[in-house]
């Protein structure tokens, strides 16, 4: 019995995928460089605090905001919870509507050709311009903010669902029908798995911009939320508080995108 020769890994493949610790180290290094540059510019330079605050001042705002009681008007936990709830409700409703309508329009091409131009025209409307209408119609409650998030998250899922449906090879659908598969079986076992990468691409985008929709709605009129707090700090020229809110929003966007990545990996397993 001859011995098998040991298999050596391809150097090209090894170089193409660096270890995760190296990638995380590079990300941490970039963060430290940016933080150090920020500190140097604001502490050693002549940049006024009302233009760019010092990192230690922003950290102080974050500490005060997250340690304040929930009933306190500056509590970041409370305002973050309000904004996240608005974004979550709008994201779920807008995503479901976008996926269902996307598959429906892709299934009936006549409806797609007739209705799609109107959807595009409505999506082209600036959300900041129509947000005041929602305040008039729904008041300062949560309904107007959720509706803005629905409108913002709906279009990416609609477009990606249509693209995912059309990306399925017609031969696979014809073969399933020849084999006696029902419309539901064809959709569930062939169309939906093939369109899943397109749908998740839209979900990644919609999850992040859902925060944008909630903030836009709170800018126009709200009783609570990070958008209201950001507007108040900006009007009072409290740049430390403004930067603190921006950091929170950036962290929330990262968390939402990371959660969608984990959900996609779990469903694809």
Protein backbone atom coordinates (compact mmCIF):
# COMPACT_ATOMS: atom_id res chain seq x y z
CA UNK A 1 0.00 0.00 0.00
CA UNK A 2 1.57 3.24 -1.14
CA UNK A 3 1.72 6.18 1.17
CA UNK A 4 -0.23 9.24 0.23
CA UNK A 5 1.78 12.37 -0.32
CA UNK A 6 1.02 15.12 2.22
CA UNK A 7 -1.12 17.89 0.88
CA UNK A 8 0.30 21.39 1.25
CA UNK A 9 -2.05 24.38 1.32
CA UNK A 10 -2.10 26.69 -1.64
CA UNK A 11 -0.06 29.83 -0.75
CA UNK A 12 -2.42 31.98 -2.79
CA UNK A 13 -5.40 30.84 -0.74
CA UNK A 14 -3.47 31.35 2.49
CA UNK A 15 -2.54 34.91 1.58
CA UNK A 16 -6.06 35.68 0.34
CA UNK A 17 -7.68 35.19 3.76
CA UNK A 18 -5.71 36.71 6.66
CA UNK A 19 -6.50 35.55 10.22
CA UNK A 20 -9.37 37.24 11.99
CA UNK A 21 -7.11 38.53 14.75
CA UNK A 22 -5.10 40.43 12.17
CA UNK A 23 -8.23 42.03 10.71
CA UNK A 24 -9.45 43.00 14.17
CA UNK A 25 -6.04 44.37 15.01
CA UNK A 26 -6.09 46.52 11.88
CA UNK A 27 -9.57 47.82 12.75
CA UNK A 28 -8.44 48.64 16.29
CA UNK A 29 -5.34 50.39 14.95
CA UNK A 30 -7.44 52.55 12.63
CA UNK A 31 -9.74 53.43 15.53
CA UNK A 32 -6.81 54.42 17.74
CA UNK A 33 -5.30 56.52 14.96
CA UNK A 34 -8.57 58.36 14.40
CA UNK A 35 -9.06 58.86 18.14
CA UNK A 36 -5.50 60.10 18.56
CA UNK A 37 -5.86 62.52 15.65
CA UNK A 38 -9.12 63.82 17.11
CA UNK A 39 -7.47 64.32 20.52
CA UNK A 40 -4.44 66.07 19.03
CA UNK A 41 -6.48 68.42 16.86
CA UNK A 42 -8.80 69.49 19.68
CA UNK A 43 -6.29 69.58 22.55
CA UNK A 44 -3.12 70.76 20.85
CA UNK A 45 -4.67 72.79 18.05
CA UNK A 46 -6.79 75.90 18.00
CA UNK A 47 -10.12 74.30 17.07
CA UNK A 48 -12.93 75.85 19.16
CA UNK A 49 -15.05 73.54 21.27
CA UNK A 50 -18.23 74.74 19.57
CA UNK A 51 -16.86 73.40 16.25
CA UNK A 52 -15.32 70.08 17.31
CA UNK A 53 -15.47 69.05 20.99
CA UNK A 54 -12.69 67.23 22.80
CA UNK A 55 -12.93 63.42 23.08
CA UNK A 56 -12.91 63.61 26.87
CA UNK A 57 -15.89 66.01 26.78
CA UNK A 58 -17.83 63.62 24.52
CA UNK A 59 -16.97 60.73 26.83
CA UNK A 60 -18.29 62.78 29.75
CA UNK A 61 -21.57 63.35 27.90
CA UNK A 62 -21.87 59.63 27.20
CA UNK A 63 -21.18 58.76 30.82
CA UNK A 64 -23.75 61.24 32.13
CA UNK A 65 -26.34 60.15 29.57
CA UNK A 66 -26.03 56.43 30.24
CA UNK A 67 -25.85 56.77 34.03
CA UNK A 68 -28.86 59.10 34.30
CA UNK A 69 -32.13 57.56 35.53
CA UNK A 70 -34.60 56.48 32.87
CA UNK A 71 -37.02 59.20 33.97
CA UNK A 72 -34.41 61.92 33.44
CA UNK A 73 -34.90 63.97 30.23
CA UNK A 74 -31.25 63.41 29.18
CA UNK A 75 -31.22 59.64 29.74
CA UNK A 76 -29.63 58.06 26.67
CA UNK A 77 -31.10 54.68 27.55
CA UNK A 78 -34.64 56.07 27.36
CA UNK A 79 -34.17 58.05 24.15
CA UNK A 80 -32.25 55.18 22.52
CA UNK A 81 -35.07 52.79 23.39
CA UNK A 82 -37.66 55.10 21.82
CA UNK A 83 -35.69 55.51 18.60
CA UNK A 84 -34.89 51.79 18.35
CA UNK A 85 -38.54 50.83 18.86
CA UNK A 86 -39.63 53.19 16.09
CA UNK A 87 -36.90 51.88 13.79
CA UNK A 88 -37.70 48.24 14.60
CA UNK A 89 -41.43 48.53 13.95
CA UNK A 90 -40.90 50.42 10.70
CA UNK A 91 -38.16 48.01 9.59
CA UNK A 92 -40.32 44.93 10.13
CA UNK A 93 -43.41 46.39 8.45
CA UNK A 94 -41.48 47.96 5.55
CA UNK A 95 -39.41 44.81 4.94
CA UNK A 96 -42.41 42.50 4.91
CA UNK A 97 -44.35 44.81 2.58
CA UNK A 98 -41.33 45.22 0.30
CA UNK A 99 -40.67 41.48 0.01
CA UNK A 100 -44.33 40.56 -0.54
CA UNK A 101 -44.96 43.30 -3.08
CA UNK A 102 -41.61 42.65 -4.79
CA UNK A 103 -42.40 38.98 -5.35
CA UNK A 104 -45.94 39.87 -6.40
CA UNK A 105 -44.82 42.41 -9.01
CA UNK A 106 -42.11 40.06 -10.29
CA UNK A 107 -44.64 37.22 -10.59
CA UNK A 108 -47.09 39.32 -12.62
CA UNK A 109 -44.98 41.30 -15.06
CA UNK A 110 -47.89 43.44 -16.27
CA UNK A 111 -48.43 44.75 -12.74
CA UNK A 112 -44.70 45.40 -12.45
CA UNK A 113 -44.61 47.50 -15.60
CA UNK A 114 -47.72 49.44 -14.58
CA UNK A 115 -47.03 50.08 -10.88
CA UNK A 116 -43.24 50.21 -10.63
CA UNK A 117 -42.90 53.75 -12.08
CA UNK A 118 -45.26 55.07 -9.39
CA UNK A 119 -43.24 53.33 -6.66
CA UNK A 120 -40.02 54.87 -7.99
CA UNK A 121 -41.61 58.33 -8.20
CA UNK A 122 -42.85 58.09 -4.60
CA UNK A 123 -39.45 56.88 -3.42
CA UNK A 124 -37.80 59.88 -5.11
CA UNK A 125 -39.71 62.27 -2.87
CA UNK A 126 -37.43 63.68 -0.14
CA UNK A 127 -38.51 62.22 3.18
CA UNK A 128 -37.64 65.42 5.02
CA UNK A 129 -40.17 67.25 2.84
CA UNK A 130 -43.05 64.84 3.47
CA UNK A 131 -42.29 64.24 7.16
CA UNK A 132 -44.17 67.41 8.27
CA UNK A 133 -47.30 66.01 6.61
CA UNK A 134 -47.14 62.96 8.87
CA UNK A 135 -46.96 65.24 11.90
CA UNK A 136 -50.13 66.98 10.72
CA UNK A 137 -51.88 63.67 10.05
CA UNK A 138 -50.67 61.62 13.03
CA UNK A 139 -49.49 64.20 15.56
CA UNK A 140 -46.36 63.82 17.69
CA UNK A 141 -46.95 60.13 18.45
CA UNK A 142 -45.04 57.12 17.24
CA UNK A 143 -47.23 56.49 14.17
CA UNK A 144 -45.66 59.17 11.96
CA UNK A 145 -42.09 58.07 12.73
CA UNK A 146 -42.88 54.42 12.06
CA UNK A 147 -44.51 55.34 8.76
CA UNK A 148 -41.41 57.25 7.65
CA UNK A 149 -39.25 54.23 8.50
CA UNK A 150 -41.65 51.99 6.56
CA UNK A 151 -41.34 54.19 3.48
CA UNK A 152 -37.54 54.30 3.70
CA UNK A 153 -37.05 50.55 4.25
CA UNK A 154 -39.73 49.45 1.78
CA UNK A 155 -37.95 50.35 -1.46
CA UNK A 156 -34.64 48.43 -0.95
CA UNK A 157 -36.57 45.24 -0.20
CA UNK A 158 -38.92 45.79 -3.13
CA UNK A 159 -36.09 46.26 -5.64
CA UNK A 160 -33.99 43.40 -4.28
CA UNK A 161 -36.95 41.01 -4.15
CA UNK A 162 -37.78 41.74 -7.78
CA UNK A 163 -34.13 41.26 -8.76
CA UNK A 164 -33.93 38.03 -6.77
CA UNK A 165 -37.05 36.63 -8.40
CA UNK A 166 -35.80 37.40 -11.90
CA UNK A 167 -32.38 35.89 -11.07
CA UNK A 168 -33.87 32.40 -10.76
CA UNK A 169 -33.15 30.24 -13.82
CA UNK A 170 -36.41 29.67 -15.73
CA UNK A 171 -35.30 26.10 -16.46
CA UNK A 172 -35.43 25.23 -12.75
CA UNK A 173 -38.98 26.57 -12.44
CA UNK A 174 -40.08 24.71 -15.59
CA UNK A 175 -38.51 21.49 -14.31
CA UNK A 176 -40.31 21.82 -10.97
CA UNK A 177 -43.64 22.32 -12.72
CA UNK A 178 -43.03 19.35 -15.01
CA UNK A 179 -42.34 17.25 -11.92
CA UNK A 180 -45.73 18.26 -10.52
CA UNK A 181 -44.63 20.82 -7.93
CA UNK A 182 -47.28 23.27 -6.80
CA UNK A 183 -46.86 27.03 -6.95
CA UNK A 184 -46.11 27.14 -3.23
CA UNK A 185 -43.55 24.31 -3.46
CA UNK A 186 -41.85 26.01 -6.40
CA UNK A 187 -41.69 29.29 -4.52
CA UNK A 188 -40.53 27.79 -1.21
CA UNK A 189 -37.91 25.36 -2.51
CA UNK A 190 -36.60 27.15 -5.61
CA UNK A 191 -37.47 30.83 -5.86
CA UNK A 192 -37.04 31.86 -2.22
CA UNK A 193 -33.63 30.17 -1.65
CA UNK A 194 -32.31 31.60 -4.92
CA UNK A 195 -33.56 35.09 -4.07
CA UNK A 196 -32.32 34.95 -0.44
CA UNK A 197 -28.94 36.65 -1.12
CA UNK A 198 -30.72 39.55 -2.83
CA UNK A 199 -33.23 39.84 0.03
CA UNK A 200 -30.52 39.86 2.68
CA UNK A 201 -28.62 42.51 0.76
CA UNK A 202 -31.74 44.67 1.01
CA UNK A 203 -32.20 43.79 4.68
CA UNK A 204 -28.64 44.85 5.48
CA UNK A 205 -29.32 48.23 3.90
CA UNK A 206 -32.80 48.63 5.37
CA UNK A 207 -31.66 47.78 8.92
CA UNK A 208 -29.18 50.65 8.93
CA UNK A 209 -31.30 53.26 7.19
CA UNK A 210 -34.24 52.47 9.48
CA UNK A 211 -32.40 54.55 12.08
CA UNK A 212 -32.22 57.38 9.56
CA UNK A 213 -35.99 57.28 9.09
CA UNK A 214 -36.64 57.39 12.82
CA UNK A 215 -34.23 60.32 13.28
CA UNK A 216 -35.83 62.26 10.41
CA UNK A 217 -39.27 61.79 11.95
CA UNK A 218 -38.02 62.94 15.35
CA UNK A 219 -36.43 66.02 13.82
CA UNK A 220 -39.82 67.17 12.56
CA UNK A 221 -41.81 66.51 15.70
CA UNK A 222 -41.40 64.18 18.67
CA UNK A 223 -41.67 63.99 22.42
CA UNK A 224 -38.64 61.69 22.86
CA UNK A 225 -35.90 59.98 20.90
CA UNK A 226 -32.29 60.49 19.89
CA UNK A 227 -33.36 62.80 17.06
CA UNK A 228 -35.12 65.13 19.48
CA UNK A 229 -32.14 65.08 21.82
CA UNK A 230 -29.76 65.75 18.93
CA UNK A 231 -31.83 68.71 17.81
CA UNK A 232 -31.95 70.17 21.31
CA UNK A 233 -28.19 69.86 21.79
CA UNK A 234 -27.53 71.36 18.38
CA UNK A 235 -29.78 74.36 19.04
CA UNK A 236 -28.05 74.92 22.38
CA UNK A 237 -24.60 74.64 20.71
CA UNK A 238 -23.69 71.76 23.02
CA UNK A 239 -21.37 70.01 20.59
CA UNK A 240 -20.25 67.46 23.15
CA UNK A 241 -23.80 66.17 23.40
CA UNK A 242 -24.23 66.26 19.61
CA UNK A 243 -21.11 64.13 19.07
CA UNK A 244 -22.21 61.76 21.84
CA UNK A 245 -25.53 61.15 20.05
CA UNK A 246 -23.71 60.65 16.74
CA UNK A 247 -21.45 58.04 18.35
CA UNK A 248 -24.48 56.23 19.76
CA UNK A 249 -26.15 56.22 16.34
CA UNK A 250 -23.00 54.89 14.71
CA UNK A 251 -22.76 52.11 17.28
CA UNK A 252 -26.43 51.22 16.79
CA UNK A 253 -25.96 51.04 13.02
CA UNK A 254 -22.98 48.71 13.49
CA UNK A 255 -24.96 46.49 15.88
CA UNK A 256 -27.91 46.27 13.50
CA UNK A 257 -25.68 45.35 10.56
CA UNK A 258 -23.86 42.75 12.66
CA UNK A 259 -27.18 41.26 13.78
CA UNK A 260 -28.31 40.93 10.15
CA UNK A 261 -25.03 39.19 9.27
CA UNK A 262 -25.55 36.69 12.08
CA UNK A 263 -29.18 36.13 11.05
CA UNK A 264 -28.15 35.50 7.45
CA UNK A 265 -25.43 33.07 8.53
CA UNK A 266 -27.87 31.24 10.82
CA UNK A 267 -30.57 30.89 8.17
CA UNK A 268 -28.03 29.85 5.53
CA UNK A 269 -26.55 27.14 7.75
